[in-house]
Each structure stands twice: as C-alpha cells, then as structure tokens.
Amino acid sequence: MTSEYYIFPLKPADLIQQKEHPRISFQDSVSQMIHLITLTHFGEYKPDDSLGCEIWDFDFDNITNYQLFKEQIKTSLIKSIAKHEPRISQVRVEIDIQQVETRVNNKRTKTRITLKINGVLTRTNELFSYTDNFFIGPLSYY
C-alpha cells in the first residue's frame, strides 16, 4: 500500500516551494489523528469544538474516584474517535493510571495515564492498536 497521507505537522512553506512533504502509511495516519484527539482539549480547535477529549478537564484536579475518571475518559474518547476518525471501528479503550515520582529540583508526584486503543481499520478490516502516555496534575496522589 502506498503512503498517501501527510505527516503532522504540515510545513506549508515546503509545499509552496514545491518540496516533497514526508508521507506516512494509512495506519500511521489513523494513529496521528487519534493522537491529535487525545492531545486536544474540547473547544481548543475553533472550527469544531467537539474535537478532543476530557483528559485535559482533569489536568490539575485531585482525582479521588479513579474508576469514575477512567469511565469518563473512555466514554469521551470513544465518542470523539467515532465522530472524528471514521477510518476505525469497534473502538475499545483501556486506561491505566499510575502515580510516578519525577525529580526536578525536588520530588514531585505526577499521574501518568496510559491509553490503549484497539479497533478495526474500516478500509482493510485489519486489527488496529494504538498506545500513548500522558502526565497530568503536578500534585496528584492516591
């Protein structure tokens, strides 16, 4: 299969100068879109306020009910992926939350969220898997 999708971020100056812009595979393009959805806060993308997910609503909150938090994020991601990335179906989301100590001048604890997103590519009917990690909240504790 040929690589017909452009890599993010686009470099308009290169395109204007008729330079070749790097291309990626279909699977990598789907991964990039899911990554964009997970990195975007609702309302951040002005043409469509529904692009994004709820992870960033909890960025500096002290999360007390991790099960409820996980369910909210799962629901948010599944809805957003269904709306903004139709090239994947049967989406399943797993979330793992861990407290991680980081050292920057002194000890800090941050919450690391690991997302595992699985589904089926609608074009090829292949299984699809995507994993990503995020840190939220500078002082989150169990």
N, C-alpha and C. Protein backbone atom coordinates (compact mmCIF):
# COMPACT_ATOMS: atom_id res chain seq x y z
N MET A 1 0.84 -1.18 0.00
CA MET A 1 0.00 0.00 0.00
C MET A 1 0.89 1.25 0.00
N THR A 2 0.60 2.18 -0.87
CA THR A 2 1.41 3.39 -0.96
C THR A 2 1.11 4.33 0.19
N SER A 3 2.07 5.15 0.51
CA SER A 3 1.90 6.15 1.56
C SER A 3 1.32 7.41 0.94
N GLU A 4 0.06 7.64 1.20
CA GLU A 4 -0.62 8.77 0.57
C GLU A 4 -1.07 9.83 1.57
N TYR A 5 -0.65 9.70 2.81
CA TYR A 5 -1.05 10.63 3.84
C TYR A 5 0.15 11.44 4.29
N TYR A 6 -0.09 12.72 4.59
CA TYR A 6 0.99 13.59 5.04
C TYR A 6 1.20 13.45 6.54
N ILE A 7 2.45 13.59 6.94
CA ILE A 7 2.81 13.55 8.35
C ILE A 7 2.48 14.90 8.99
N PHE A 8 2.11 14.88 10.29
CA PHE A 8 1.90 16.11 11.05
C PHE A 8 3.24 16.55 11.60
N PRO A 9 3.51 17.77 11.81
CA PRO A 9 2.74 18.91 11.32
C PRO A 9 3.10 19.19 9.86
N LEU A 10 2.14 19.70 9.15
CA LEU A 10 2.39 20.10 7.77
C LEU A 10 3.33 21.30 7.76
N LYS A 11 4.12 21.39 6.73
CA LYS A 11 5.02 22.53 6.57
C LYS A 11 4.62 23.25 5.28
N PRO A 12 3.70 24.21 5.39
CA PRO A 12 3.20 24.89 4.20
C PRO A 12 4.31 25.54 3.37
N ALA A 13 5.34 26.06 4.02
CA ALA A 13 6.43 26.71 3.28
C ALA A 13 7.09 25.71 2.33
N ASP A 14 7.30 24.48 2.78
CA ASP A 14 7.88 23.46 1.91
C ASP A 14 6.97 23.13 0.74
N LEU A 15 5.67 23.06 1.01
CA LEU A 15 4.72 22.76 -0.06
C LEU A 15 4.67 23.89 -1.09
N ILE A 16 4.71 25.14 -0.62
CA ILE A 16 4.69 26.29 -1.53
C ILE A 16 5.93 26.28 -2.42
N GLN A 17 7.07 25.87 -1.85
CA GLN A 17 8.32 25.79 -2.61
C GLN A 17 8.40 24.50 -3.42
N GLN A 18 7.31 23.76 -3.45
CA GLN A 18 7.19 22.51 -4.20
C GLN A 18 8.19 21.44 -3.74
N LYS A 19 8.53 21.50 -2.47
CA LYS A 19 9.36 20.44 -1.89
C LYS A 19 8.45 19.28 -1.51
N GLU A 20 9.00 18.09 -1.55
CA GLU A 20 8.23 16.90 -1.18
C GLU A 20 8.01 16.88 0.33
N HIS A 21 6.77 16.73 0.74
CA HIS A 21 6.46 16.64 2.16
C HIS A 21 6.44 15.16 2.57
N PRO A 22 7.00 14.83 3.73
CA PRO A 22 7.01 13.42 4.16
C PRO A 22 5.60 12.84 4.23
N ARG A 23 5.51 11.59 3.81
CA ARG A 23 4.23 10.89 3.81
C ARG A 23 4.30 9.69 4.73
N ILE A 24 3.12 9.24 5.15
CA ILE A 24 3.05 8.11 6.07
C ILE A 24 1.99 7.12 5.60
N SER A 25 1.96 5.98 6.23
CA SER A 25 1.01 4.92 5.86
C SER A 25 -0.39 5.24 6.40
N PHE A 26 -1.34 4.48 5.94
CA PHE A 26 -2.72 4.59 6.38
C PHE A 26 -2.82 4.40 7.90
N GLN A 27 -2.19 3.34 8.42
CA GLN A 27 -2.23 3.07 9.86
C GLN A 27 -1.62 4.20 10.67
N ASP A 28 -0.49 4.74 10.20
CA ASP A 28 0.16 5.85 10.90
C ASP A 28 -0.69 7.12 10.86
N SER A 29 -1.42 7.31 9.78
CA SER A 29 -2.30 8.46 9.66
C SER A 29 -3.44 8.36 10.69
N VAL A 30 -4.00 7.17 10.85
CA VAL A 30 -5.05 6.95 11.85
C VAL A 30 -4.47 7.20 13.25
N SER A 31 -3.26 6.70 13.50
CA SER A 31 -2.61 6.91 14.80
C SER A 31 -2.40 8.40 15.07
N GLN A 32 -1.99 9.14 14.05
CA GLN A 32 -1.78 10.59 14.23
C GLN A 32 -3.08 11.29 14.59
N MET A 33 -4.18 10.88 13.96
CA MET A 33 -5.46 11.53 14.24
C MET A 33 -5.91 11.20 15.66
N ILE A 34 -5.72 9.98 16.09
CA ILE A 34 -6.09 9.61 17.46
C ILE A 34 -5.22 10.38 18.45
N HIS A 35 -3.93 10.51 18.14
CA HIS A 35 -3.03 11.29 18.99
C HIS A 35 -3.51 12.75 19.07
N LEU A 36 -3.91 13.31 17.97
CA LEU A 36 -4.43 14.68 17.95
C LEU A 36 -5.69 14.79 18.81
N ILE A 37 -6.58 13.82 18.71
CA ILE A 37 -7.80 13.83 19.52
C ILE A 37 -7.45 13.79 21.00
N THR A 38 -6.50 12.93 21.36
CA THR A 38 -6.16 12.79 22.79
C THR A 38 -5.42 14.01 23.33
N LEU A 39 -4.70 14.71 22.48
CA LEU A 39 -3.94 15.89 22.93
C LEU A 39 -4.76 17.18 22.97
N THR A 40 -5.94 17.15 22.38
CA THR A 40 -6.73 18.37 22.22
C THR A 40 -7.80 18.47 23.29
N HIS A 41 -7.88 19.64 23.90
CA HIS A 41 -8.92 19.94 24.89
C HIS A 41 -10.16 20.38 24.13
N PHE A 42 -11.35 19.95 24.59
CA PHE A 42 -12.59 20.41 23.94
C PHE A 42 -12.60 21.93 23.85
N GLY A 43 -12.96 22.44 22.68
CA GLY A 43 -13.03 23.88 22.47
C GLY A 43 -11.73 24.49 21.99
N GLU A 44 -10.66 23.74 22.01
CA GLU A 44 -9.36 24.28 21.59
C GLU A 44 -9.29 24.46 20.08
N TYR A 45 -9.96 23.60 19.33
CA TYR A 45 -9.99 23.69 17.87
C TYR A 45 -11.26 24.45 17.49
N LYS A 46 -11.09 25.73 17.15
CA LYS A 46 -12.22 26.64 16.97
C LYS A 46 -13.23 26.21 15.89
N PRO A 47 -12.81 25.65 14.74
CA PRO A 47 -13.82 25.26 13.75
C PRO A 47 -14.76 24.15 14.23
N ASP A 48 -14.32 23.34 15.21
CA ASP A 48 -15.16 22.25 15.70
C ASP A 48 -14.84 22.02 17.18
N ASP A 49 -15.69 22.55 18.06
CA ASP A 49 -15.48 22.44 19.50
C ASP A 49 -15.53 21.01 20.01
N SER A 50 -16.06 20.08 19.21
CA SER A 50 -16.19 18.70 19.68
C SER A 50 -14.93 17.87 19.47
N LEU A 51 -13.92 18.42 18.81
CA LEU A 51 -12.66 17.69 18.63
C LEU A 51 -11.91 17.71 19.95
N GLY A 52 -11.51 16.56 20.43
CA GLY A 52 -10.74 16.48 21.66
C GLY A 52 -11.27 15.40 22.57
N CYS A 53 -10.84 15.46 23.84
CA CYS A 53 -11.32 14.51 24.85
C CYS A 53 -11.26 15.17 26.23
N GLU A 54 -11.83 14.49 27.21
CA GLU A 54 -11.97 15.05 28.56
C GLU A 54 -10.73 14.93 29.42
N ILE A 55 -9.68 14.28 28.97
CA ILE A 55 -8.49 14.11 29.80
C ILE A 55 -8.04 15.45 30.38
N TRP A 56 -8.05 16.47 29.56
CA TRP A 56 -7.49 17.76 29.98
C TRP A 56 -8.40 18.54 30.91
N ASP A 57 -9.65 18.10 31.07
CA ASP A 57 -10.53 18.71 32.07
C ASP A 57 -10.07 18.37 33.48
N PHE A 58 -9.27 17.31 33.61
CA PHE A 58 -8.82 16.84 34.91
C PHE A 58 -7.34 17.13 35.15
N ASP A 59 -6.74 17.96 34.33
CA ASP A 59 -5.29 18.14 34.35
C ASP A 59 -4.74 18.51 35.72
N PHE A 60 -5.37 19.38 36.44
CA PHE A 60 -4.84 19.79 37.75
C PHE A 60 -5.78 19.44 38.90
N ASP A 61 -6.73 18.54 38.64
CA ASP A 61 -7.65 18.10 39.69
C ASP A 61 -7.00 17.04 40.56
N ASN A 62 -7.42 16.98 41.79
CA ASN A 62 -7.06 15.88 42.66
C ASN A 62 -8.12 14.80 42.45
N ILE A 63 -7.79 13.80 41.68
CA ILE A 63 -8.76 12.77 41.31
C ILE A 63 -8.93 11.83 42.50
N THR A 64 -10.16 11.69 42.96
CA THR A 64 -10.42 10.84 44.11
C THR A 64 -11.06 9.52 43.71
N ASN A 65 -11.84 9.51 42.65
CA ASN A 65 -12.50 8.29 42.21
C ASN A 65 -11.93 7.89 40.84
N TYR A 66 -10.90 7.06 40.86
CA TYR A 66 -10.21 6.70 39.63
C TYR A 66 -11.08 5.87 38.70
N GLN A 67 -11.98 5.05 39.22
CA GLN A 67 -12.85 4.24 38.36
C GLN A 67 -13.80 5.14 37.57
N LEU A 68 -14.39 6.12 38.23
CA LEU A 68 -15.27 7.07 37.55
C LEU A 68 -14.49 7.88 36.52
N PHE A 69 -13.30 8.31 36.90
CA PHE A 69 -12.42 9.06 35.99
C PHE A 69 -12.13 8.24 34.73
N LYS A 70 -11.76 6.97 34.90
CA LYS A 70 -11.47 6.10 33.75
C LYS A 70 -12.68 5.96 32.83
N GLU A 71 -13.86 5.76 33.43
CA GLU A 71 -15.07 5.59 32.62
C GLU A 71 -15.40 6.86 31.83
N GLN A 72 -15.23 8.02 32.46
CA GLN A 72 -15.48 9.29 31.76
C GLN A 72 -14.53 9.45 30.57
N ILE A 73 -13.26 9.14 30.78
CA ILE A 73 -12.28 9.28 29.71
C ILE A 73 -12.57 8.29 28.59
N LYS A 74 -12.88 7.04 28.94
CA LYS A 74 -13.21 6.03 27.93
C LYS A 74 -14.38 6.49 27.07
N THR A 75 -15.45 6.91 27.72
CA THR A 75 -16.65 7.36 27.00
C THR A 75 -16.32 8.54 26.10
N SER A 76 -15.58 9.49 26.62
CA SER A 76 -15.19 10.67 25.85
C SER A 76 -14.38 10.29 24.62
N LEU A 77 -13.38 9.43 24.80
CA LEU A 77 -12.53 9.02 23.68
C LEU A 77 -13.30 8.23 22.64
N ILE A 78 -14.13 7.31 23.07
CA ILE A 78 -14.90 6.50 22.11
C ILE A 78 -15.81 7.39 21.27
N LYS A 79 -16.49 8.34 21.91
CA LYS A 79 -17.38 9.26 21.17
C LYS A 79 -16.59 10.13 20.20
N SER A 80 -15.48 10.67 20.66
CA SER A 80 -14.69 11.57 19.83
C SER A 80 -14.04 10.83 18.65
N ILE A 81 -13.54 9.64 18.90
CA ILE A 81 -12.95 8.86 17.81
C ILE A 81 -14.02 8.47 16.80
N ALA A 82 -15.19 8.07 17.28
CA ALA A 82 -16.28 7.70 16.36
C ALA A 82 -16.67 8.88 15.47
N LYS A 83 -16.65 10.09 16.03
CA LYS A 83 -17.05 11.27 15.25
C LYS A 83 -15.94 11.77 14.32
N HIS A 84 -14.69 11.76 14.80
CA HIS A 84 -13.61 12.43 14.06
C HIS A 84 -12.64 11.49 13.35
N GLU A 85 -12.74 10.19 13.59
CA GLU A 85 -11.86 9.25 12.91
C GLU A 85 -12.68 8.04 12.44
N PRO A 86 -13.42 8.24 11.33
CA PRO A 86 -14.29 7.16 10.83
C PRO A 86 -13.53 6.00 10.19
N ARG A 87 -12.21 6.13 10.08
CA ARG A 87 -11.43 5.05 9.46
C ARG A 87 -11.19 3.89 10.42
N ILE A 88 -11.68 4.00 11.65
CA ILE A 88 -11.55 2.93 12.63
C ILE A 88 -12.92 2.66 13.26
N SER A 89 -13.22 1.38 13.45
CA SER A 89 -14.49 1.00 14.06
C SER A 89 -14.23 0.02 15.20
N GLN A 90 -15.29 -0.34 15.91
CA GLN A 90 -15.21 -1.28 17.03
C GLN A 90 -14.13 -0.84 18.04
N VAL A 91 -14.16 0.44 18.37
CA VAL A 91 -13.13 1.02 19.24
C VAL A 91 -13.29 0.54 20.68
N ARG A 92 -12.18 0.11 21.25
CA ARG A 92 -12.11 -0.27 22.65
C ARG A 92 -10.98 0.52 23.29
N VAL A 93 -11.21 1.01 24.49
CA VAL A 93 -10.21 1.83 25.17
C VAL A 93 -9.91 1.22 26.53
N GLU A 94 -8.62 1.07 26.83
CA GLU A 94 -8.17 0.64 28.15
C GLU A 94 -7.34 1.79 28.73
N ILE A 95 -7.52 2.03 30.01
CA ILE A 95 -6.79 3.12 30.67
C ILE A 95 -6.12 2.57 31.92
N ASP A 96 -4.84 2.89 32.06
CA ASP A 96 -4.09 2.53 33.25
C ASP A 96 -3.60 3.84 33.86
N ILE A 97 -3.76 3.97 35.18
CA ILE A 97 -3.34 5.18 35.88
C ILE A 97 -2.31 4.80 36.93
N GLN A 98 -1.19 5.52 36.94
CA GLN A 98 -0.14 5.27 37.92
C GLN A 98 0.38 6.59 38.46
N GLN A 99 0.79 6.58 39.71
CA GLN A 99 1.48 7.73 40.28
C GLN A 99 2.97 7.53 40.05
N VAL A 100 3.62 8.53 39.49
CA VAL A 100 5.04 8.45 39.13
C VAL A 100 5.77 9.60 39.79
N GLU A 101 6.89 9.30 40.42
CA GLU A 101 7.71 10.35 41.01
C GLU A 101 8.70 10.86 39.97
N THR A 102 8.77 12.17 39.84
CA THR A 102 9.74 12.79 38.95
C THR A 102 10.61 13.71 39.78
N ARG A 103 11.80 13.92 39.32
CA ARG A 103 12.71 14.79 40.08
C ARG A 103 13.09 16.00 39.23
N VAL A 104 12.65 17.13 39.71
CA VAL A 104 13.03 18.41 39.14
C VAL A 104 13.30 19.31 40.34
N ASN A 105 14.54 19.40 40.75
CA ASN A 105 14.96 20.13 41.95
C ASN A 105 14.50 19.46 43.24
N ASN A 106 13.32 18.92 43.26
CA ASN A 106 12.83 18.19 44.42
C ASN A 106 11.85 17.12 43.95
N LYS A 107 11.35 16.31 44.86
CA LYS A 107 10.46 15.22 44.50
C LYS A 107 9.06 15.73 44.17
N ARG A 108 8.53 15.27 43.06
CA ARG A 108 7.16 15.59 42.67
C ARG A 108 6.47 14.31 42.23
N THR A 109 5.20 14.24 42.48
CA THR A 109 4.42 13.09 42.04
C THR A 109 3.45 13.56 40.97
N LYS A 110 3.43 12.84 39.87
CA LYS A 110 2.51 13.16 38.79
C LYS A 110 1.71 11.90 38.44
N THR A 111 0.58 12.10 37.83
CA THR A 111 -0.25 10.99 37.40
C THR A 111 0.06 10.69 35.93
N ARG A 112 0.44 9.42 35.66
CA ARG A 112 0.68 9.00 34.29
C ARG A 112 -0.52 8.18 33.83
N ILE A 113 -1.07 8.57 32.72
CA ILE A 113 -2.20 7.86 32.12
C ILE A 113 -1.68 7.14 30.88
N THR A 114 -1.89 5.84 30.83
CA THR A 114 -1.54 5.05 29.66
C THR A 114 -2.83 4.67 28.95
N LEU A 115 -2.95 5.07 27.70
CA LEU A 115 -4.12 4.75 26.88
C LEU A 115 -3.77 3.64 25.91
N LYS A 116 -4.63 2.65 25.83
CA LYS A 116 -4.50 1.60 24.81
C LYS A 116 -5.82 1.59 24.04
N ILE A 117 -5.72 1.89 22.77
CA ILE A 117 -6.91 1.97 21.93
C ILE A 117 -6.79 0.90 20.85
N ASN A 118 -7.81 0.06 20.78
CA ASN A 118 -7.85 -1.02 19.79
C ASN A 118 -9.11 -0.89 18.97
N GLY A 119 -9.05 -1.38 17.75
CA GLY A 119 -10.21 -1.35 16.89
C GLY A 119 -9.92 -2.07 15.59
N VAL A 120 -10.74 -1.80 14.60
CA VAL A 120 -10.60 -2.41 13.29
C VAL A 120 -10.56 -1.29 12.25
N LEU A 121 -9.56 -1.34 11.36
CA LEU A 121 -9.48 -0.36 10.28
C LEU A 121 -10.57 -0.68 9.27
N THR A 122 -11.45 0.28 9.01
CA THR A 122 -12.61 0.02 8.16
C THR A 122 -12.23 -0.26 6.71
N ARG A 123 -11.16 0.33 6.25
CA ARG A 123 -10.74 0.17 4.85
C ARG A 123 -10.19 -1.22 4.56
N THR A 124 -9.43 -1.77 5.49
CA THR A 124 -8.74 -3.04 5.25
C THR A 124 -9.23 -4.18 6.15
N ASN A 125 -10.05 -3.86 7.13
CA ASN A 125 -10.55 -4.84 8.09
C ASN A 125 -9.43 -5.46 8.94
N GLU A 126 -8.31 -4.73 9.07
CA GLU A 126 -7.19 -5.18 9.89
C GLU A 126 -7.39 -4.71 11.32
N LEU A 127 -6.80 -5.46 12.26
CA LEU A 127 -6.81 -5.02 13.65
C LEU A 127 -5.88 -3.83 13.79
N PHE A 128 -6.26 -2.91 14.65
CA PHE A 128 -5.50 -1.69 14.85
C PHE A 128 -5.24 -1.53 16.33
N SER A 129 -4.04 -1.08 16.68
CA SER A 129 -3.69 -0.86 18.08
C SER A 129 -2.88 0.43 18.20
N TYR A 130 -3.18 1.20 19.24
CA TYR A 130 -2.50 2.46 19.48
C TYR A 130 -2.30 2.60 20.99
N THR A 131 -1.11 3.00 21.40
CA THR A 131 -0.81 3.21 22.81
C THR A 131 -0.14 4.56 22.98
N ASP A 132 -0.51 5.28 24.05
CA ASP A 132 0.09 6.57 24.32
C ASP A 132 0.10 6.81 25.82
N ASN A 133 1.00 7.67 26.28
CA ASN A 133 1.12 8.03 27.69
C ASN A 133 1.03 9.53 27.86
N PHE A 134 0.39 9.96 28.96
CA PHE A 134 0.27 11.38 29.28
C PHE A 134 0.53 11.56 30.76
N PHE A 135 1.07 12.70 31.12
CA PHE A 135 1.19 13.08 32.52
C PHE A 135 0.21 14.21 32.77
N ILE A 136 -0.52 14.10 33.88
CA ILE A 136 -1.42 15.19 34.27
C ILE A 136 -1.17 15.51 35.74
N GLY A 137 -1.56 16.68 36.13
CA GLY A 137 -1.54 17.10 37.52
C GLY A 137 -0.20 17.04 38.20
N PRO A 138 0.32 18.17 38.59
CA PRO A 138 1.64 18.19 39.23
C PRO A 138 1.65 17.61 40.64
N LEU A 139 0.50 17.55 41.31
CA LEU A 139 0.48 17.07 42.69
C LEU A 139 -0.67 16.11 42.92
N SER A 140 -0.79 15.09 42.10
CA SER A 140 -1.86 14.11 42.24
C SER A 140 -1.37 12.96 43.10
N TYR A 141 -2.16 12.56 44.08
CA TYR A 141 -1.80 11.45 44.96
C TYR A 141 -2.95 10.46 45.04
N TYR A 142 -2.64 9.21 45.33
CA TYR A 142 -3.68 8.21 45.58
C TYR A 142 -4.27 8.46 46.94
